[in-house]
Protein backbone atom coordinates (compact mmCIF):
# COMPACT_ATOMS: atom_id res chain seq x y z
CA MET A 1 125.28 61.17 125.74
CA LYS A 2 127.16 64.12 124.18
CA HIS A 3 125.79 63.38 120.79
CA HIS A 4 122.29 63.59 122.19
CA LEU A 5 122.79 66.92 123.78
CA PHE A 6 124.14 68.22 120.47
CA SER A 7 121.20 66.99 118.61
CA LEU A 8 118.87 68.51 121.27
CA ALA A 9 120.44 71.72 121.12
CA GLY A 10 120.42 71.71 117.34
CA ALA A 11 116.66 71.11 117.18
CA LEU A 12 116.09 73.62 119.45
CA MET A 13 117.93 76.09 117.32
CA LEU A 14 116.24 74.93 114.40
CA SER A 15 112.82 75.30 115.74
CA THR A 16 113.70 79.01 116.71
CA PHE A 17 114.59 79.73 113.57
CA ALA A 18 111.43 78.24 111.90
CA GLY A 19 109.49 80.20 114.48
CA ALA A 20 111.33 83.36 113.07
CA ALA A 21 110.33 82.41 109.59
CA SER A 22 106.63 81.76 110.57
CA ALA A 23 106.64 85.43 112.01
CA ALA A 24 106.85 86.54 108.26
CA ILE A 25 102.96 86.07 108.04
CA LEU A 26 101.75 89.62 108.89
CA PRO A 27 98.41 90.92 109.09
CA ASP A 28 97.00 92.19 105.77
CA CYS A 29 96.75 96.10 105.27
CA ASP A 30 93.34 96.21 105.56
CA SER A 31 92.73 94.04 108.59
CA LEU A 32 90.55 95.68 111.26
CA GLY A 33 93.34 95.23 113.93
CA ILE A 34 95.82 97.07 111.82
CA LEU A 35 93.39 99.84 110.75
CA SER A 36 92.42 100.23 114.36
CA ARG A 37 96.25 100.85 115.41
CA VAL A 38 96.62 103.17 112.57
CA ASN A 39 93.71 105.26 113.62
CA THR A 40 94.89 105.34 117.24
CA LYS A 41 98.48 106.18 116.35
CA LEU A 42 97.34 109.17 113.93
CA ALA A 43 94.80 110.27 116.92
CA ILE A 44 97.82 110.53 119.36
CA ALA A 45 100.02 112.22 117.10
CA ASP A 46 97.36 114.90 115.96
CA ALA A 47 96.32 115.30 119.76
CA ASN A 48 100.09 115.53 120.94
CA VAL A 49 102.26 117.03 118.24
CA ILE A 50 100.48 118.19 115.01
CA GLN A 51 97.36 119.72 116.93
CA SER A 52 95.78 120.36 113.59
CA GLY A 53 92.30 120.53 114.91
CA ASP A 54 91.21 118.55 111.95
CA PRO A 55 92.44 114.92 112.68
CA VAL A 56 92.27 112.13 110.20
CA ILE A 57 89.24 109.81 111.61
CA THR A 58 88.36 107.63 108.52
CA LEU A 59 90.55 105.29 106.18
CA ASP A 60 89.39 104.00 102.90
CA HIS A 61 91.00 102.69 99.76
CA VAL A 62 93.48 100.82 101.64
CA ARG A 63 96.24 99.24 99.49
CA HIS A 64 99.33 97.23 99.96
CA ASN A 65 102.40 98.78 98.43
CA LYS A 66 105.31 96.18 98.93
CA THR A 67 106.51 93.60 101.13
CA GLN A 68 110.26 93.00 102.38
CA ASP A 69 111.02 89.47 103.82
CA LEU A 70 113.39 88.14 106.27
CA SER A 71 116.54 88.95 104.14
CA GLU A 72 115.83 92.73 103.59
CA PRO A 73 116.54 94.05 106.18
CA PHE A 74 116.13 91.46 109.09
CA PHE A 75 112.59 91.09 109.74
CA PRO A 76 109.40 91.06 107.47
CA ARG A 77 107.69 94.39 106.70
CA ARG A 78 104.61 95.27 104.81
CA TYR A 79 104.19 98.84 103.50
CA CYS A 80 100.61 100.04 103.11
CA GLN A 81 98.71 103.19 101.83
CA ALA A 82 95.34 104.47 102.44
CA THR A 83 93.19 107.38 101.72
CA GLY A 84 92.41 109.35 104.87
CA TYR A 85 89.40 111.68 105.49
CA THR A 86 89.83 114.19 108.25
CA GLN A 87 86.83 115.39 110.55
CA GLN A 88 86.11 118.47 108.22
CA GLY A 89 86.09 116.01 105.23
CA LYS A 90 89.55 116.67 103.74
CA LYS A 91 91.22 113.94 101.61
CA THR A 92 94.75 113.05 102.38
CA THR A 93 97.17 110.09 101.95
CA VAL A 94 98.22 107.99 104.97
CA TYR A 95 101.19 105.97 104.81
CA TYR A 96 101.77 102.99 107.18
CA LEU A 97 104.10 100.12 107.90
CA ILE A 98 103.58 96.61 109.80
CA GLU A 99 106.88 95.28 110.69
CA ALA A 100 107.09 91.68 112.41
CA LYS A 101 108.98 90.87 115.82
CA ALA A 102 108.90 94.66 116.59
CA GLY A 103 106.06 94.57 119.33
CA PHE A 104 106.67 94.62 123.11
CA ALA A 105 109.94 92.80 123.96
CA GLY A 106 110.34 91.56 120.31
CA TYR A 107 107.11 89.69 120.20
CA GLY A 108 104.23 90.43 117.67
CA TYR A 109 104.23 93.37 115.32
CA ASN A 110 104.27 96.99 115.44
CA VAL A 111 102.49 99.68 113.22
CA GLU A 112 104.06 103.04 112.25
CA ALA A 113 101.77 105.74 110.49
CA CYS A 114 102.33 109.04 108.79
CA VAL A 115 99.96 111.63 107.05
CA LEU A 116 101.33 113.08 104.09
CA GLY A 117 102.18 116.64 104.89
CA ARG A 118 101.60 116.31 108.59
CA ASP A 119 105.14 115.35 109.84
CA PRO A 120 106.42 118.59 110.96
CA TRP A 121 109.57 117.15 112.58
CA ARG A 122 109.87 114.60 109.48
CA VAL A 123 110.11 111.66 111.78
CA TYR A 124 109.52 109.46 108.85
CA GLY A 125 111.54 111.66 106.35
CA ALA A 126 110.17 114.01 103.71
CA TYR A 127 106.81 113.21 102.68
CA CYS A 128 106.63 109.98 104.62
CA ARG A 129 109.47 108.57 102.66
CA SER A 130 110.52 105.80 105.17
CA LEU A 131 106.75 104.17 105.17
CA ARG A 132 106.44 104.32 101.61
């Protein structure tokens, strides 16, 4: 009986690990859900912190910069870049990160975004370095 319990526990641990590996499949940089989250983050940051009066409202020329898998650091991450256009038509660069298992209570994914030149407290480092 002990042998069967050990096998069951091992199978459960293995399935948990396999579930973590399947979380490596992150949404693409240009998926509508991701772009919507980036726009929301930028709008909230501009309204509450930056207060530029000229928020980024459109993202274009989206590209994937790099991906980190489970071994570097712990959870998969996808680094992205886009060209942003402000309400007054000014062009800027937006960097954003999609990270697995970083949503509410460790489920789903999280998105962090930074507009080049609009991070006065350097939350993401100089020139959005941590999101590049």
